[in-house]
Amino acid sequence: MPTSSASTTDSARSAASGGVQSLERAFDLLERMADAGGEVGLSELSASSGLPLPTIHRLMRTLVACGYVRQQPNRRYALGPRLIRLGESASRLLGTWARPYLARLVEETGETANMALLDGDEIVYVAQVPSKHSMRMFTEVGRRVLPHSTGVGKALLAGFPPEEVRSLLGRTGMPAATEKTITTADGFLAALEDVRRQGYAIDDNEQEIGVRCLAVPVPDAPTAAAISISGPAGRVTEAATQRIVPVLQQIAAELSEALTTPGSGPNA
């Protein structure tokens, strides 16, 4: 999962970038809170950021007043509800930014291209560009599915520790969408080992009979994200897989760069 990388000695960086130091520090604290699970104490923030407690206290007071942080009854601080609206808007924009890259995937592979995020314990599709073939796959943007039966789910969860994956599967269950769906935690963890070894994930008739999907994660994305292509099993063959996977990986790397480079708008 992505972690905060903001510098704790940021005076020179702020001056060089023309940034405002207090803003950079406030956003750094919000990211550190998210990395810690959403709730932290001031001493934890001070230890992880290197900032003195009076500075953190002043910044947190401002964030609380703005609604971006809440102080809990136990005196710890939690991410506030006002961030939800920002996150929802950013998620919608993420799909918009991804569309030119997905369009390139369609042009180069001939198959429907998707982008999906891990939202809680579910996979949510945030963008799609359909294939130009008359027989093509269609997944509605906004659709939510369980991760164990999808290529994007495997691509995303391959980056998580096995104990976290087991915990997630315990919460969601592993219902069979088809007779090919993996329905045991051990079987799924073995499939994730294959993903890590191969560098891509496959959904081989596991979500829908007759459909194959190839997926890769978007490296270093601001939130856990993956892109994929899906098509009829008769077109997405083993031979086609060898041709398509390098294209998926290249476009995922380019999308990652666009999303993580400060000041650059994604543009394929």
Protein backbone atom coordinates (compact mmCIF):
# COMPACT_ATOMS: atom_id res chain seq x y z
CA MET A 1 0.00 0.00 0.00
CA PRO A 2 1.23 3.55 -0.68
CA THR A 3 2.81 5.33 2.32
CA SER A 4 3.60 8.94 3.07
CA SER A 5 6.99 10.12 1.84
CA ALA A 6 6.86 13.79 2.80
CA SER A 7 10.07 15.22 4.23
CA THR A 8 10.20 16.21 7.87
CA THR A 9 12.72 18.98 7.19
CA ASP A 10 10.72 20.77 4.57
CA SER A 11 11.74 24.43 4.80
CA ALA A 12 14.17 24.24 1.90
CA ARG A 13 11.78 22.13 -0.16
CA SER A 14 8.93 24.59 0.36
CA ALA A 15 11.12 27.49 -0.68
CA ALA A 16 12.41 25.65 -3.74
CA SER A 17 8.94 24.57 -4.86
CA GLY A 18 7.17 27.81 -4.02
CA GLY A 19 4.96 25.81 -1.64
CA VAL A 20 3.51 26.79 1.73
CA GLN A 21 5.24 24.88 4.51
CA SER A 22 2.23 24.69 6.83
CA LEU A 23 0.07 23.27 4.04
CA GLU A 24 2.66 20.65 3.17
CA ARG A 25 2.94 19.66 6.82
CA ALA A 26 -0.84 19.46 7.27
CA PHE A 27 -1.27 17.21 4.24
CA ASP A 28 1.66 15.10 5.39
CA LEU A 29 -0.07 14.57 8.73
CA LEU A 30 -3.33 13.57 6.99
CA GLU A 31 -1.45 11.02 4.88
CA ARG A 32 0.32 9.65 7.94
CA MET A 33 -3.03 9.28 9.68
CA ALA A 34 -4.40 7.36 6.71
CA ASP A 35 -1.31 5.13 6.66
CA ALA A 36 -1.86 4.40 10.36
CA GLY A 37 -5.46 3.30 9.82
CA GLY A 38 -7.19 6.65 10.26
CA GLU A 39 -6.72 7.24 14.01
CA VAL A 40 -3.53 8.30 15.83
CA GLY A 41 -2.23 10.11 18.87
CA LEU A 42 -0.16 13.27 18.73
CA SER A 43 2.93 11.49 20.06
CA GLU A 44 2.68 8.91 17.26
CA LEU A 45 2.48 11.69 14.67
CA SER A 46 5.45 13.44 16.23
CA ALA A 47 7.52 10.24 16.19
CA SER A 48 6.69 9.40 12.56
CA SER A 49 6.94 12.94 11.15
CA GLY A 50 9.77 14.36 13.26
CA LEU A 51 7.78 17.51 13.93
CA PRO A 52 7.64 18.93 17.47
CA LEU A 53 4.45 18.37 19.45
CA PRO A 54 3.48 22.09 19.61
CA THR A 55 3.63 22.30 15.80
CA ILE A 56 1.52 19.17 15.37
CA HIS A 57 -0.98 20.39 17.95
CA ARG A 58 -1.39 23.71 16.14
CA LEU A 59 -1.88 22.01 12.76
CA MET A 60 -4.35 19.50 14.18
CA ARG A 61 -6.41 22.28 15.79
CA THR A 62 -6.77 23.90 12.37
CA LEU A 63 -7.69 20.58 10.70
CA VAL A 64 -10.28 19.90 13.42
CA ALA A 65 -11.78 23.37 12.97
CA CYS A 66 -12.09 22.73 9.22
CA GLY A 67 -13.73 19.32 9.72
CA TYR A 68 -10.93 17.30 8.15
CA VAL A 69 -9.94 15.73 11.49
CA ARG A 70 -11.98 14.84 14.59
CA GLN A 71 -10.77 14.55 18.16
CA GLN A 72 -12.06 11.34 19.71
CA PRO A 73 -13.23 10.97 23.34
CA ASN A 74 -9.98 9.08 24.04
CA ARG A 75 -8.04 12.24 22.98
CA ARG A 76 -6.73 10.57 19.84
CA TYR A 77 -7.36 12.11 16.41
CA ALA A 78 -9.27 10.54 13.53
CA LEU A 79 -9.80 11.48 9.89
CA GLY A 80 -12.92 13.59 9.62
CA PRO A 81 -16.10 13.19 7.55
CA ARG A 82 -15.38 16.26 5.42
CA LEU A 83 -12.67 14.23 3.66
CA ILE A 84 -15.34 11.87 2.29
CA ARG A 85 -16.59 14.39 -0.26
CA LEU A 86 -13.04 15.11 -1.41
CA GLY A 87 -12.30 11.42 -1.72
CA GLU A 88 -15.46 10.68 -3.68
CA SER A 89 -14.75 13.51 -6.11
CA ALA A 90 -11.14 12.42 -6.52
CA SER A 91 -12.23 8.82 -7.17
CA ARG A 92 -14.53 9.98 -9.96
CA LEU A 93 -11.72 12.05 -11.44
CA LEU A 94 -9.36 9.07 -11.23
CA GLY A 95 -11.60 7.20 -13.64
CA THR A 96 -11.70 10.22 -15.95
CA TRP A 97 -7.91 10.51 -15.91
CA ALA A 98 -7.54 6.81 -16.66
CA ARG A 99 -9.76 6.79 -19.75
CA PRO A 100 -7.08 7.87 -22.29
CA TYR A 101 -4.83 5.06 -21.04
CA LEU A 102 -7.67 2.56 -21.23
CA ALA A 103 -8.43 3.75 -24.77
CA ARG A 104 -4.84 2.95 -25.72
CA LEU A 105 -5.25 -0.50 -24.21
CA VAL A 106 -8.29 -1.08 -26.39
CA GLU A 107 -6.44 0.14 -29.49
CA GLU A 108 -3.43 -2.09 -28.82
CA THR A 109 -5.20 -5.22 -27.57
CA GLY A 110 -8.62 -5.08 -29.21
CA GLU A 111 -10.35 -5.95 -25.92
CA THR A 112 -12.43 -4.05 -23.37
CA ALA A 113 -10.28 -2.22 -20.81
CA ASN A 114 -11.20 -1.50 -17.19
CA MET A 115 -9.83 0.29 -14.16
CA ALA A 116 -10.82 -0.85 -10.67
CA LEU A 117 -10.05 0.15 -7.09
CA LEU A 118 -10.09 -1.73 -3.82
CA ASP A 119 -12.75 0.02 -1.73
CA GLY A 120 -12.94 -1.55 1.70
CA ASP A 121 -13.32 -5.28 1.07
CA GLU A 122 -14.78 -4.90 -2.42
CA ILE A 123 -13.61 -4.17 -5.94
CA VAL A 124 -15.29 -1.18 -7.57
CA TYR A 125 -14.96 -0.46 -11.29
CA VAL A 126 -14.28 3.24 -11.87
CA ALA A 127 -13.64 3.42 -15.62
CA GLN A 128 -14.14 1.37 -18.78
CA VAL A 129 -13.50 1.72 -22.49
CA PRO A 130 -15.33 -0.96 -24.52
CA SER A 131 -13.83 -3.06 -27.27
CA LYS A 132 -14.79 -2.32 -30.86
CA HIS A 133 -15.64 -5.97 -31.49
CA SER A 134 -19.31 -6.80 -31.82
CA MET A 135 -18.80 -9.53 -29.21
CA ARG A 136 -17.30 -7.74 -26.23
CA MET A 137 -17.40 -7.61 -22.47
CA PHE A 138 -19.23 -4.89 -20.55
CA THR A 139 -18.93 -4.05 -16.84
CA GLU A 140 -20.95 -1.12 -15.55
CA VAL A 141 -18.87 1.64 -13.98
CA GLY A 142 -19.67 1.67 -10.28
CA ARG A 143 -20.26 -2.07 -10.15
CA ARG A 144 -18.95 -3.77 -7.01
CA VAL A 145 -17.73 -7.35 -6.83
CA LEU A 146 -15.84 -9.52 -4.37
CA PRO A 147 -12.11 -9.70 -5.13
CA HIS A 148 -11.60 -13.47 -5.09
CA SER A 149 -13.28 -14.11 -8.45
CA THR A 150 -11.72 -11.27 -10.49
CA GLY A 151 -8.42 -10.60 -12.17
CA VAL A 152 -8.26 -7.07 -10.78
CA GLY A 153 -8.94 -8.43 -7.30
CA LYS A 154 -6.02 -10.85 -7.57
CA ALA A 155 -3.75 -8.14 -8.99
CA LEU A 156 -4.55 -5.84 -6.07
CA LEU A 157 -4.45 -8.38 -3.24
CA ALA A 158 -1.16 -9.88 -4.43
CA GLY A 159 0.48 -6.84 -2.83
CA PHE A 160 -1.03 -7.51 0.59
CA PRO A 161 0.38 -9.72 3.37
CA PRO A 162 -1.24 -13.20 3.43
CA GLU A 163 -2.74 -12.66 6.89
CA GLU A 164 -4.56 -9.52 5.67
CA VAL A 165 -5.88 -11.42 2.65
CA ARG A 166 -7.14 -14.25 4.88
CA SER A 167 -8.86 -11.71 7.12
CA LEU A 168 -10.55 -10.05 4.14
CA LEU A 169 -11.72 -13.39 2.74
CA GLY A 170 -13.09 -14.31 6.16
CA ARG A 171 -15.20 -11.16 6.17
CA THR A 172 -16.50 -11.45 2.59
CA GLY A 173 -16.76 -15.20 2.17
CA MET A 174 -15.84 -16.82 -1.14
CA PRO A 175 -19.08 -17.60 -3.00
CA ALA A 176 -18.72 -19.34 -6.36
CA ALA A 177 -19.70 -17.21 -9.36
CA THR A 178 -18.94 -20.17 -11.68
CA GLU A 179 -17.59 -23.69 -11.26
CA LYS A 180 -14.11 -22.25 -11.94
CA THR A 181 -14.20 -19.74 -9.05
CA ILE A 182 -11.57 -20.27 -6.34
CA THR A 183 -13.51 -20.87 -3.12
CA THR A 184 -10.82 -21.62 -0.52
CA ALA A 185 -8.39 -19.23 1.13
CA ASP A 186 -5.46 -21.59 0.55
CA GLY A 187 -6.31 -21.87 -3.14
CA PHE A 188 -6.59 -18.11 -3.45
CA LEU A 189 -3.29 -17.47 -1.68
CA ALA A 190 -1.64 -19.96 -4.05
CA ALA A 191 -3.12 -18.00 -6.98
CA LEU A 192 -1.66 -14.78 -5.52
CA GLU A 193 1.77 -16.45 -5.46
CA ASP A 194 1.34 -17.07 -9.19
CA VAL A 195 0.47 -13.40 -9.68
CA ARG A 196 3.61 -12.26 -7.89
CA ARG A 197 5.75 -14.71 -9.84
CA GLN A 198 4.25 -13.91 -13.25
CA GLY A 199 3.68 -10.18 -12.78
CA TYR A 200 0.03 -10.31 -13.83
CA ALA A 201 -3.29 -11.87 -12.78
CA ILE A 202 -5.75 -14.02 -14.70
CA ASP A 203 -9.46 -14.53 -14.25
CA ASP A 204 -10.03 -17.69 -16.28
CA ASN A 205 -13.82 -18.14 -16.46
CA GLU A 206 -13.98 -17.46 -12.70
CA GLN A 207 -16.40 -14.52 -12.77
CA GLU A 208 -18.28 -15.47 -15.93
CA ILE A 209 -18.06 -18.59 -18.08
CA GLY A 210 -16.56 -17.88 -21.48
CA VAL A 211 -14.71 -14.75 -20.33
CA ARG A 212 -11.01 -14.33 -19.56
CA CYS A 213 -9.45 -11.28 -17.92
CA LEU A 214 -5.81 -10.18 -17.59
CA ALA A 215 -4.94 -7.58 -14.93
CA VAL A 216 -1.97 -5.75 -13.44
CA PRO A 217 -1.72 -3.30 -10.54
CA VAL A 218 -0.99 0.38 -11.11
CA PRO A 219 2.34 0.76 -9.26
CA ASP A 220 2.52 3.38 -6.49
CA ALA A 221 -1.01 4.61 -7.18
CA PRO A 222 -2.45 6.97 -4.54
CA THR A 223 -4.96 4.22 -3.73
CA ALA A 224 -4.87 0.50 -4.56
CA ALA A 225 -5.76 0.37 -8.27
CA ALA A 226 -5.48 -2.06 -11.17
CA ILE A 227 -6.18 -2.04 -14.89
CA SER A 228 -7.35 -4.99 -16.94
CA ILE A 229 -8.58 -6.23 -20.29
CA SER A 230 -11.38 -8.74 -20.67
CA GLY A 231 -12.74 -10.61 -23.63
CA PRO A 232 -14.09 -13.92 -24.88
CA ALA A 233 -11.90 -16.87 -23.92
CA GLY A 234 -11.62 -17.72 -27.61
CA ARG A 235 -9.79 -14.42 -28.24
CA VAL A 236 -7.89 -14.01 -24.95
CA THR A 237 -5.87 -17.17 -25.51
CA GLU A 238 -2.51 -18.19 -24.08
CA ALA A 239 -0.81 -16.81 -27.19
CA ALA A 240 -2.74 -13.53 -26.90
CA THR A 241 -1.78 -13.32 -23.22
CA GLN A 242 1.92 -13.22 -24.07
CA ARG A 243 1.27 -10.30 -26.40
CA ILE A 244 -1.16 -8.39 -24.15
CA VAL A 245 0.58 -8.56 -20.76
CA PRO A 246 3.58 -6.36 -21.73
CA VAL A 247 1.15 -3.76 -23.08
CA LEU A 248 -0.82 -3.83 -19.81
CA GLN A 249 2.35 -3.43 -17.76
CA GLN A 250 3.65 -0.56 -19.87
CA ILE A 251 0.41 1.39 -19.76
CA ALA A 252 0.05 0.76 -16.01
CA ALA A 253 3.55 2.20 -15.50
CA GLU A 254 2.71 5.28 -17.59
CA LEU A 255 -0.56 5.83 -15.72
CA SER A 256 1.31 5.49 -12.43
CA GLU A 257 3.80 8.16 -13.47
CA ALA A 258 1.00 10.52 -14.47
CA LEU A 259 -0.83 10.00 -11.17
CA THR A 260 2.22 10.36 -8.94
CA THR A 261 4.20 13.15 -10.61
CA PRO A 262 3.42 16.42 -8.77
CA GLY A 263 1.86 19.07 -10.98
CA SER A 264 1.35 16.82 -14.01
CA GLY A 265 -2.16 16.13 -15.24
CA PRO A 266 -2.65 12.59 -16.54
CA ASN A 267 -2.46 12.69 -20.32
CA ALA A 268 -1.82 9.62 -22.45
